[in-house]
Amino acid sequence: MEKQLSLDKFYKKMTREKKFEKMRENQENGRRMQTELKEKIKISLQEQDDQKESDVIANLAENIAQRKKIPVIDAIVEAQEQYSTQRQKK
């Protein structure tokens, strides 16, 4: 409570110019923090999408390897091609 009172006194003593400068700085900091947060969210969602695609390709590769009885490494290449053609059709 005392801290809030001392801050209030400090802001009352500030000149009008300083108050507006402080408000402008706060707004700029808020915008900067908002853009950083949006970027972090975008990256996180992209990582989730990449992980889902990777899981689908791995599952396809396992199925191909079992069906054709070929090594999984060769099946991964085929699964990637198959997945990319499926995505192009959509």
PDB file of N, CA and C in Angstrom:
ATOM      1  N   MET A   1       0.820  -1.182   0.000  1.00  0.00           N
ATOM      2  CA  MET A   1       0.000   0.000   0.000  1.00  0.00           C
ATOM      3  C   MET A   1       0.867   1.250   0.000  1.00  0.00           C
ATOM      4  N   GLU A   2       1.904   1.243   0.847  1.00  0.00           N
ATOM      5  CA  GLU A   2       2.800   2.393   0.904  1.00  0.00           C
ATOM      6  C   GLU A   2       3.523   2.581  -0.416  1.00  0.00           C
ATOM      7  N   LYS A   3       3.875   1.475  -1.033  1.00  0.00           N
ATOM      8  CA  LYS A   3       4.572   1.538  -2.314  1.00  0.00           C
ATOM      9  C   LYS A   3       3.683   2.204  -3.365  1.00  0.00           C
ATOM     10  N   GLN A   4       2.396   1.848  -3.378  1.00  0.00           N
ATOM     11  CA  GLN A   4       1.450   2.430  -4.329  1.00  0.00           C
ATOM     12  C   GLN A   4       1.304   3.934  -4.078  1.00  0.00           C
ATOM     13  N   LEU A   5       1.257   4.322  -2.815  1.00  0.00           N
ATOM     14  CA  LEU A   5       1.132   5.745  -2.488  1.00  0.00           C
ATOM     15  C   LEU A   5       2.355   6.525  -2.945  1.00  0.00           C
ATOM     16  N   SER A   6       3.516   5.936  -2.748  1.00  0.00           N
ATOM     17  CA  SER A   6       4.733   6.628  -3.182  1.00  0.00           C
ATOM     18  C   SER A   6       4.793   6.720  -4.706  1.00  0.00           C
ATOM     19  N   LEU A   7       4.291   5.696  -5.415  1.00  0.00           N
ATOM     20  CA  LEU A   7       4.239   5.765  -6.873  1.00  0.00           C
ATOM     21  C   LEU A   7       3.259   6.836  -7.332  1.00  0.00           C
ATOM     22  N   ASP A   8       2.117   6.908  -6.644  1.00  0.00           N
ATOM     23  CA  ASP A   8       1.131   7.938  -6.993  1.00  0.00           C
ATOM     24  C   ASP A   8       1.725   9.336  -6.822  1.00  0.00           C
ATOM     25  N   LYS A   9       2.439   9.541  -5.714  1.00  0.00           N
ATOM     26  CA  LYS A   9       3.082  10.838  -5.484  1.00  0.00           C
ATOM     27  C   LYS A   9       4.106  11.126  -6.575  1.00  0.00           C
ATOM     28  N   PHE A  10       4.859  10.106  -6.948  1.00  0.00           N
ATOM     29  CA  PHE A  10       5.884  10.271  -7.985  1.00  0.00           C
ATOM     30  C   PHE A  10       5.236  10.680  -9.306  1.00  0.00           C
ATOM     31  N   TYR A  11       4.135  10.024  -9.674  1.00  0.00           N
ATOM     32  CA  TYR A  11       3.465  10.353 -10.932  1.00  0.00           C
ATOM     33  C   TYR A  11       2.814  11.740 -10.889  1.00  0.00           C
ATOM     34  N   LYS A  12       2.321  12.141  -9.722  1.00  0.00           N
ATOM     35  CA  LYS A  12       1.728  13.472  -9.611  1.00  0.00           C
ATOM     36  C   LYS A  12       2.776  14.568  -9.768  1.00  0.00           C
ATOM     37  N   LYS A  13       3.993  14.299  -9.313  1.00  0.00           N
ATOM     38  CA  LYS A  13       5.066  15.286  -9.406  1.00  0.00           C
ATOM     39  C   LYS A  13       5.644  15.378 -10.817  1.00  0.00           C
ATOM     40  N   MET A  14       5.401  14.361 -11.639  1.00  0.00           N
ATOM     41  CA  MET A  14       5.952  14.370 -13.001  1.00  0.00           C
ATOM     42  C   MET A  14       5.289  15.451 -13.839  1.00  0.00           C
ATOM     43  N   THR A  15       6.058  16.005 -14.744  1.00  0.00           N
ATOM     44  CA  THR A  15       5.482  17.002 -15.649  1.00  0.00           C
ATOM     45  C   THR A  15       4.593  16.290 -16.653  1.00  0.00           C
ATOM     46  N   ARG A  16       3.746  17.065 -17.285  1.00  0.00           N
ATOM     47  CA  ARG A  16       2.809  16.507 -18.277  1.00  0.00           C
ATOM     48  C   ARG A  16       3.571  15.818 -19.414  1.00  0.00           C
ATOM     49  N   GLU A  17       4.649  16.437 -19.818  1.00  0.00           N
ATOM     50  CA  GLU A  17       5.471  15.878 -20.902  1.00  0.00           C
ATOM     51  C   GLU A  17       6.050  14.521 -20.507  1.00  0.00           C
ATOM     52  N   LYS A  18       6.543  14.431 -19.284  1.00  0.00           N
ATOM     53  CA  LYS A  18       7.126  13.173 -18.802  1.00  0.00           C
ATOM     54  C   LYS A  18       6.053  12.080 -18.683  1.00  0.00           C
ATOM     55  N   LYS A  19       4.853  12.462 -18.241  1.00  0.00           N
ATOM     56  CA  LYS A  19       3.779  11.485 -18.113  1.00  0.00           C
ATOM     57  C   LYS A  19       3.439  10.884 -19.467  1.00  0.00           C
ATOM     58  N   PHE A  20       3.307  11.747 -20.478  1.00  0.00           N
ATOM     59  CA  PHE A  20       2.971  11.246 -21.808  1.00  0.00           C
ATOM     60  C   PHE A  20       4.111  10.421 -22.403  1.00  0.00           C
ATOM     61  N   GLU A  21       5.332  10.807 -22.104  1.00  0.00           N
ATOM     62  CA  GLU A  21       6.480  10.019 -22.580  1.00  0.00           C
ATOM     63  C   GLU A  21       6.463   8.633 -21.938  1.00  0.00           C
ATOM     64  N   LYS A  22       6.154   8.596 -20.646  1.00  0.00           N
ATOM     65  CA  LYS A  22       6.079   7.313 -19.931  1.00  0.00           C
ATOM     66  C   LYS A  22       4.951   6.444 -20.509  1.00  0.00           C
ATOM     67  N   MET A  23       3.795   7.054 -20.802  1.00  0.00           N
ATOM     68  CA  MET A  23       2.685   6.302 -21.383  1.00  0.00           C
ATOM     69  C   MET A  23       3.056   5.774 -22.766  1.00  0.00           C
ATOM     70  N   ARG A  24       3.728   6.594 -23.562  1.00  0.00           N
ATOM     71  CA  ARG A  24       4.141   6.170 -24.902  1.00  0.00           C
ATOM     72  C   ARG A  24       5.113   4.992 -24.819  1.00  0.00           C
ATOM     73  N   GLU A  25       6.059   5.071 -23.885  1.00  0.00           N
ATOM     74  CA  GLU A  25       7.012   3.973 -23.704  1.00  0.00           C
ATOM     75  C   GLU A  25       6.287   2.687 -23.295  1.00  0.00           C
ATOM     76  N   ASN A  26       5.306   2.807 -22.402  1.00  0.00           N
ATOM     77  CA  ASN A  26       4.537   1.638 -21.972  1.00  0.00           C
ATOM     78  C   ASN A  26       3.783   1.024 -23.147  1.00  0.00           C
ATOM     79  N   GLN A  27       3.201   1.870 -23.994  1.00  0.00           N
ATOM     80  CA  GLN A  27       2.474   1.362 -25.162  1.00  0.00           C
ATOM     81  C   GLN A  27       3.413   0.655 -26.122  1.00  0.00           C
ATOM     82  N   GLU A  28       4.587   1.245 -26.352  1.00  0.00           N
ATOM     83  CA  GLU A  28       5.566   0.616 -27.253  1.00  0.00           C
ATOM     84  C   GLU A  28       6.035  -0.716 -26.704  1.00  0.00           C
ATOM     85  N   ASN A  29       6.289  -0.768 -25.398  1.00  0.00           N
ATOM     86  CA  ASN A  29       6.704  -2.034 -24.772  1.00  0.00           C
ATOM     87  C   ASN A  29       5.605  -3.087 -24.881  1.00  0.00           C
ATOM     88  N   GLY A  30       4.357  -2.658 -24.703  1.00  0.00           N
ATOM     89  CA  GLY A  30       3.229  -3.583 -24.825  1.00  0.00           C
ATOM     90  C   GLY A  30       3.109  -4.139 -26.235  1.00  0.00           C
ATOM     91  N   ARG A  31       3.264  -3.288 -27.229  1.00  0.00           N
ATOM     92  CA  ARG A  31       3.198  -3.749 -28.634  1.00  0.00           C
ATOM     93  C   ARG A  31       4.329  -4.723 -28.942  1.00  0.00           C
ATOM     94  N   ARG A  32       5.525  -4.387 -28.451  1.00  0.00           N
ATOM     95  CA  ARG A  32       6.683  -5.252 -28.694  1.00  0.00           C
ATOM     96  C   ARG A  32       6.471  -6.614 -28.047  1.00  0.00           C
ATOM     97  N   MET A  33       5.982  -6.621 -26.810  1.00  0.00           N
ATOM     98  CA  MET A  33       5.741  -7.879 -26.115  1.00  0.00           C
ATOM     99  C   MET A  33       4.645  -8.689 -26.810  1.00  0.00           C
ATOM    100  N   GLN A  34       3.640  -8.003 -27.337  1.00  0.00           N
ATOM    101  CA  GLN A  34       2.558  -8.688 -28.040  1.00  0.00           C
ATOM    102  C   GLN A  34       3.072  -9.352 -29.312  1.00  0.00           C
ATOM    103  N   THR A  35       3.932  -8.647 -30.065  1.00  0.00           N
ATOM    104  CA  THR A  35       4.475  -9.253 -31.290  1.00  0.00           C
ATOM    105  C   THR A  35       5.375 -10.439 -30.961  1.00  0.00           C
ATOM    106  N   GLU A  36       6.166 -10.326 -29.909  1.00  0.00           N
ATOM    107  CA  GLU A  36       7.012 -11.441 -29.504  1.00  0.00           C
ATOM    108  C   GLU A  36       6.165 -12.656 -29.120  1.00  0.00           C
ATOM    109  N   LEU A  37       5.095 -12.417 -28.383  1.00  0.00           N
ATOM    110  CA  LEU A  37       4.220 -13.510 -27.965  1.00  0.00           C
ATOM    111  C   LEU A  37       3.551 -14.160 -29.171  1.00  0.00           C
ATOM    112  N   LYS A  38       3.078 -13.354 -30.116  1.00  0.00           N
ATOM    113  CA  LYS A  38       2.463 -13.905 -31.327  1.00  0.00           C
ATOM    114  C   LYS A  38       3.456 -14.745 -32.110  1.00  0.00           C
ATOM    115  N   GLU A  39       4.706 -14.287 -32.184  1.00  0.00           N
ATOM    116  CA  GLU A  39       5.743 -15.037 -32.902  1.00  0.00           C
ATOM    117  C   GLU A  39       6.019 -16.374 -32.213  1.00  0.00           C
ATOM    118  N   LYS A  40       6.084 -16.359 -30.879  1.00  0.00           N
ATOM    119  CA  LYS A  40       6.307 -17.603 -30.131  1.00  0.00           C
ATOM    120  C   LYS A  40       5.164 -18.587 -30.362  1.00  0.00           C
ATOM    121  N   ILE A  41       3.938 -18.088 -30.349  1.00  0.00           N
ATOM    122  CA  ILE A  41       2.774 -18.945 -30.574  1.00  0.00           C
ATOM    123  C   ILE A  41       2.807 -19.526 -31.976  1.00  0.00           C
ATOM    124  N   LYS A  42       3.168 -18.692 -32.952  1.00  0.00           N
ATOM    125  CA  LYS A  42       3.247 -19.145 -34.348  1.00  0.00           C
ATOM    126  C   LYS A  42       4.281 -20.255 -34.497  1.00  0.00           C
ATOM    127  N   ILE A  43       5.441 -20.070 -33.888  1.00  0.00           N
ATOM    128  CA  ILE A  43       6.504 -21.077 -33.957  1.00  0.00           C
ATOM    129  C   ILE A  43       6.053 -22.369 -33.272  1.00  0.00           C
ATOM    130  N   SER A  44       5.396 -22.239 -32.132  1.00  0.00           N
ATOM    131  CA  SER A  44       4.918 -23.416 -31.399  1.00  0.00           C
ATOM    132  C   SER A  44       3.902 -24.204 -32.225  1.00  0.00           C
ATOM    133  N   LEU A  45       2.964 -23.505 -32.842  1.00  0.00           N
ATOM    134  CA  LEU A  45       1.970 -24.183 -33.677  1.00  0.00           C
ATOM    135  C   LEU A  45       2.619 -24.849 -34.881  1.00  0.00           C
ATOM    136  N   GLN A  46       3.618 -24.188 -35.456  1.00  0.00           N
ATOM    137  CA  GLN A  46       4.319 -24.761 -36.604  1.00  0.00           C
ATOM    138  C   GLN A  46       5.072 -26.034 -36.196  1.00  0.00           C
ATOM    139  N   GLU A  47       5.665 -26.012 -35.012  1.00  0.00           N
ATOM    140  CA  GLU A  47       6.364 -27.203 -34.526  1.00  0.00           C
ATOM    141  C   GLU A  47       5.388 -28.360 -34.319  1.00  0.00           C
ATOM    142  N   GLN A  48       4.203 -28.056 -33.807  1.00  0.00           N
ATOM    143  CA  GLN A  48       3.195 -29.094 -33.607  1.00  0.00           C
ATOM    144  C   GLN A  48       2.762 -29.690 -34.948  1.00  0.00           C
ATOM    145  N   ASP A  49       2.559 -28.825 -35.948  1.00  0.00           N
ATOM    146  CA  ASP A  49       2.177 -29.311 -37.275  1.00  0.00           C
ATOM    147  C   ASP A  49       3.274 -30.185 -37.876  1.00  0.00           C
ATOM    148  N   ASP A  50       4.527 -29.748 -37.717  1.00  0.00           N
ATOM    149  CA  ASP A  50       5.647 -30.534 -38.228  1.00  0.00           C
ATOM    150  C   ASP A  50       5.710 -31.904 -37.554  1.00  0.00           C
ATOM    151  N   GLN A  51       5.464 -31.936 -36.255  1.00  0.00           N
ATOM    152  CA  GLN A  51       5.493 -33.201 -35.519  1.00  0.00           C
ATOM    153  C   GLN A  51       4.386 -34.134 -35.997  1.00  0.00           C
ATOM    154  N   LYS A  52       3.195 -33.575 -36.250  1.00  0.00           N
ATOM    155  CA  LYS A  52       2.092 -34.388 -36.748  1.00  0.00           C
ATOM    156  C   LYS A  52       2.429 -34.976 -38.118  1.00  0.00           C
ATOM    157  N   GLU A  53       2.979 -34.146 -39.003  1.00  0.00           N
ATOM    158  CA  GLU A  53       3.361 -34.634 -40.330  1.00  0.00           C
ATOM    159  C   GLU A  53       4.414 -35.725 -40.223  1.00  0.00           C
ATOM    160  N   SER A  54       5.373 -35.513 -39.339  1.00  0.00           N
ATOM    161  CA  SER A  54       6.433 -36.498 -39.140  1.00  0.00           C
ATOM    162  C   SER A  54       5.859 -37.828 -38.652  1.00  0.00           C
ATOM    163  N   ASP A  55       4.903 -37.766 -37.741  1.00  0.00           N
ATOM    164  CA  ASP A  55       4.272 -38.984 -37.232  1.00  0.00           C
ATOM    165  C   ASP A  55       3.505 -39.718 -38.329  1.00  0.00           C
ATOM    166  N   VAL A  56       2.806 -38.957 -39.173  1.00  0.00           N
ATOM    167  CA  VAL A  56       2.049 -39.571 -40.265  1.00  0.00           C
ATOM    168  C   VAL A  56       2.998 -40.261 -41.243  1.00  0.00           C
ATOM    169  N   ILE A  57       4.094 -39.589 -41.581  1.00  0.00           N
ATOM    170  CA  ILE A  57       5.066 -40.164 -42.524  1.00  0.00           C
ATOM    171  C   ILE A  57       5.704 -41.418 -41.925  1.00  0.00           C
ATOM    172  N   ALA A  58       6.023 -41.382 -40.635  1.00  0.00           N
ATOM    173  CA  ALA A  58       6.614 -42.554 -39.979  1.00  0.00           C
ATOM    174  C   ALA A  58       5.645 -43.731 -39.984  1.00  0.00           C
ATOM    175  N   ASN A  59       4.393 -43.447 -39.742  1.00  0.00           N
ATOM    176  CA  ASN A  59       3.380 -44.504 -39.753  1.00  0.00           C
ATOM    177  C   ASN A  59       3.234 -45.087 -41.165  1.00  0.00           C
ATOM    178  N   LEU A  60       3.188 -44.205 -42.158  1.00  0.00           N
ATOM    179  CA  LEU A  60       3.120 -44.677 -43.553  1.00  0.00           C
ATOM    180  C   LEU A  60       4.332 -45.540 -43.894  1.00  0.00           C
ATOM    181  N   ALA A  61       5.493 -45.104 -43.458  1.00  0.00           N
ATOM    182  CA  ALA A  61       6.728 -45.837 -43.756  1.00  0.00           C
ATOM    183  C   ALA A  61       6.701 -47.237 -43.135  1.00  0.00           C
ATOM    184  N   GLU A  62       6.219 -47.324 -41.911  1.00  0.00           N
ATOM    185  CA  GLU A  62       6.129 -48.635 -41.262  1.00  0.00           C
ATOM    186  C   GLU A  62       5.178 -49.555 -42.020  1.00  0.00           C
ATOM    187  N   ASN A  63       4.047 -48.991 -42.426  1.00  0.00           N
ATOM    188  CA  ASN A  63       3.085 -49.800 -43.184  1.00  0.00           C
ATOM    189  C   ASN A  63       3.659 -50.265 -44.510  1.00  0.00           C
ATOM    190  N   ILE A  64       4.342 -49.382 -45.210  1.00  0.00           N
ATOM    191  CA  ILE A  64       4.947 -49.731 -46.502  1.00  0.00           C
ATOM    192  C   ILE A  64       6.029 -50.789 -46.311  1.00  0.00           C
ATOM    193  N   ALA A  65       6.852 -50.604 -45.276  1.00  0.00           N
ATOM    194  CA  ALA A  65       7.942 -51.554 -45.010  1.00  0.00           C
ATOM    195  C   ALA A  65       7.387 -52.942 -44.718  1.00  0.00           C
ATOM    196  N   GLN A  66       6.317 -53.031 -43.968  1.00  0.00           N
ATOM    197  CA  GLN A  66       5.725 -54.321 -43.647  1.00  0.00           C
ATOM    198  C   GLN A  66       5.054 -54.945 -44.868  1.00  0.00           C
ATOM    199  N   ARG A  67       4.362 -54.088 -45.631  1.00  0.00           N
ATOM    200  CA  ARG A  67       3.631 -54.599 -46.787  1.00  0.00           C
ATOM    201  C   ARG A  67       4.578 -55.095 -47.879  1.00  0.00           C
ATOM    202  N   LYS A  68       5.614 -54.297 -48.182  1.00  0.00           N
ATOM    203  CA  LYS A  68       6.530 -54.653 -49.276  1.00  0.00           C
ATOM    204  C   LYS A  68       7.760 -55.419 -48.798  1.00  0.00           C
ATOM    205  N   LYS A  69       7.881 -55.547 -47.494  1.00  0.00           N
ATOM    206  CA  LYS A  69       9.033 -56.238 -46.894  1.00  0.00           C
ATOM    207  C   LYS A  69      10.354 -55.637 -47.377  1.00  0.00           C
ATOM    208  N   ILE A  70      10.458 -54.306 -47.222  1.00  0.00           N
ATOM    209  CA  ILE A  70      11.684 -53.579 -47.570  1.00  0.00           C
ATOM    210  C   ILE A  70      12.189 -52.877 -46.317  1.00  0.00           C
ATOM    211  N   PRO A  71      13.452 -52.428 -46.329  1.00  0.00           N
ATOM    212  CA  PRO A  71      13.978 -51.707 -45.155  1.00  0.00           C
ATOM    213  C   PRO A  71      13.176 -50.417 -44.896  1.00  0.00           C
ATOM    214  N   VAL A  72      13.110 -50.050 -43.643  1.00  0.00           N
ATOM    215  CA  VAL A  72      12.328 -48.873 -43.244  1.00  0.00           C
ATOM    216  C   VAL A  72      12.884 -47.594 -43.881  1.00  0.00           C
ATOM    217  N   ILE A  73      14.191 -47.521 -44.042  1.00  0.00           N
ATOM    218  CA  ILE A  73      14.803 -46.330 -44.635  1.00  0.00           C
ATOM    219  C   ILE A  73      14.283 -46.116 -46.058  1.00  0.00           C
ATOM    220  N   ASP A  74      14.211 -47.179 -46.835  1.00  0.00           N
ATOM    221  CA  ASP A  74      13.671 -47.063 -48.191  1.00  0.00           C
ATOM    222  C   ASP A  74      12.182 -46.732 -48.148  1.00  0.00           C
ATOM    223  N   ALA A  75      11.502 -47.282 -47.170  1.00  0.00           N
ATOM    224  CA  ALA A  75      10.063 -47.026 -47.041  1.00  0.00           C
ATOM    225  C   ALA A  75       9.789 -45.580 -46.656  1.00  0.00           C
ATOM    226  N   ILE A  76      10.698 -44.965 -45.912  1.00  0.00           N
ATOM    227  CA  ILE A  76      10.524 -43.560 -45.517  1.00  0.00           C
ATOM    228  C   ILE A  76      10.514 -42.661 -46.742  1.00  0.00           C
ATOM    229  N   VAL A  77      11.428 -42.912 -47.668  1.00  0.00           N
ATOM    230  CA  VAL A  77      11.485 -42.115 -48.896  1.00  0.00           C
ATOM    231  C   VAL A  77      10.173 -42.255 -49.666  1.00  0.00           C
ATOM    232  N   GLU A  78       9.705 -43.461 -49.780  1.00  0.00           N
ATOM    233  CA  GLU A  78       8.452 -43.713 -50.497  1.00  0.00           C
ATOM    234  C   GLU A  78       7.269 -43.076 -49.761  1.00  0.00           C
ATOM    235  N   ALA A  79       7.282 -43.137 -48.438  1.00  0.00           N
ATOM    236  CA  ALA A  79       6.204 -42.543 -47.640  1.00  0.00           C
ATOM    237  C   ALA A  79       6.186 -41.022 -47.795  1.00  0.00           C
ATOM    238  N   GLN A  80       7.370 -40.414 -47.843  1.00  0.00           N
ATOM    239  CA  GLN A  80       7.436 -38.963 -48.042  1.00  0.00           C
ATOM    240  C   GLN A  80       6.835 -38.569 -49.388  1.00  0.00           C
ATOM    241  N   GLU A  81       7.166 -39.329 -50.411  1.00  0.00           N
ATOM    242  CA  GLU A  81       6.618 -39.051 -51.739  1.00  0.00           C
ATOM    243  C   GLU A  81       5.098 -39.229 -51.729  1.00  0.00           C
ATOM    244  N   GLN A  82       4.651 -40.278 -51.093  1.00  0.00           N
ATOM    245  CA  GLN A  82       3.221 -40.556 -51.025  1.00  0.00           C
ATOM    246  C   GLN A  82       2.492 -39.446 -50.250  1.00  0.00           C
ATOM    247  N   TYR A  83       3.084 -39.020 -49.165  1.00  0.00           N
ATOM    248  CA  TYR A  83       2.475 -37.977 -48.345  1.00  0.00           C
ATOM    249  C   TYR A  83       2.407 -36.648 -49.100  1.00  0.00           C
ATOM    250  N   SER A  84       3.478 -36.314 -49.808  1.00  0.00           N
ATOM    251  CA  SER A  84       3.481 -35.048 -50.545  1.00  0.00           C
ATOM    252  C   SER A  84       2.445 -35.056 -51.672  1.00  0.00           C
ATOM    253  N   THR A  85       2.246 -36.203 -52.323  1.00  0.00           N
ATOM    254  CA  THR A  85       1.227 -36.258 -53.372  1.00  0.00           C
ATOM    255  C   THR A  85      -0.172 -36.163 -52.762  1.00  0.00           C
ATOM    256  N   GLN A  86      -0.370 -36.741 -51.581  1.00  0.00           N
ATOM    257  CA  GLN A  86      -1.664 -36.634 -50.896  1.00  0.00           C
ATOM    258  C   GLN A  86      -1.959 -35.188 -50.520  1.00  0.00           C
ATOM    259  N   ARG A  87      -0.958 -34.467 -50.082  1.00  0.00           N
ATOM    260  CA  ARG A  87      -1.152 -33.070 -49.693  1.00  0.00           C
ATOM    261  C   ARG A  87      -1.411 -32.194 -50.900  1.00  0.00           C
ATOM    262  N   GLN A  88      -0.802 -32.505 -52.038  1.00  0.00           N
ATOM    263  CA  GLN A  88      -1.016 -31.716 -53.240  1.00  0.00           C
ATOM    264  C   GLN A  88      -2.447 -31.871 -53.758  1.00  0.00           C
ATOM    265  N   LYS A  89      -3.012 -33.040 -53.544  1.00  0.00           N
ATOM    266  CA  LYS A  89      -4.388 -33.287 -53.998  1.00  0.00           C
ATOM    267  C   LYS A  89      -5.389 -32.468 -53.197  1.00  0.00           C
ATOM    268  N   LYS A  90      -5.062 -32.176 -51.953  1.00  0.00           N
ATOM    269  CA  LYS A  90      -5.977 -31.414 -51.089  1.00  0.00           C
ATOM    270  C   LYS A  90      -5.921 -29.989 -51.462  1.00  0.00           C
TER     271      LYS A  90
END
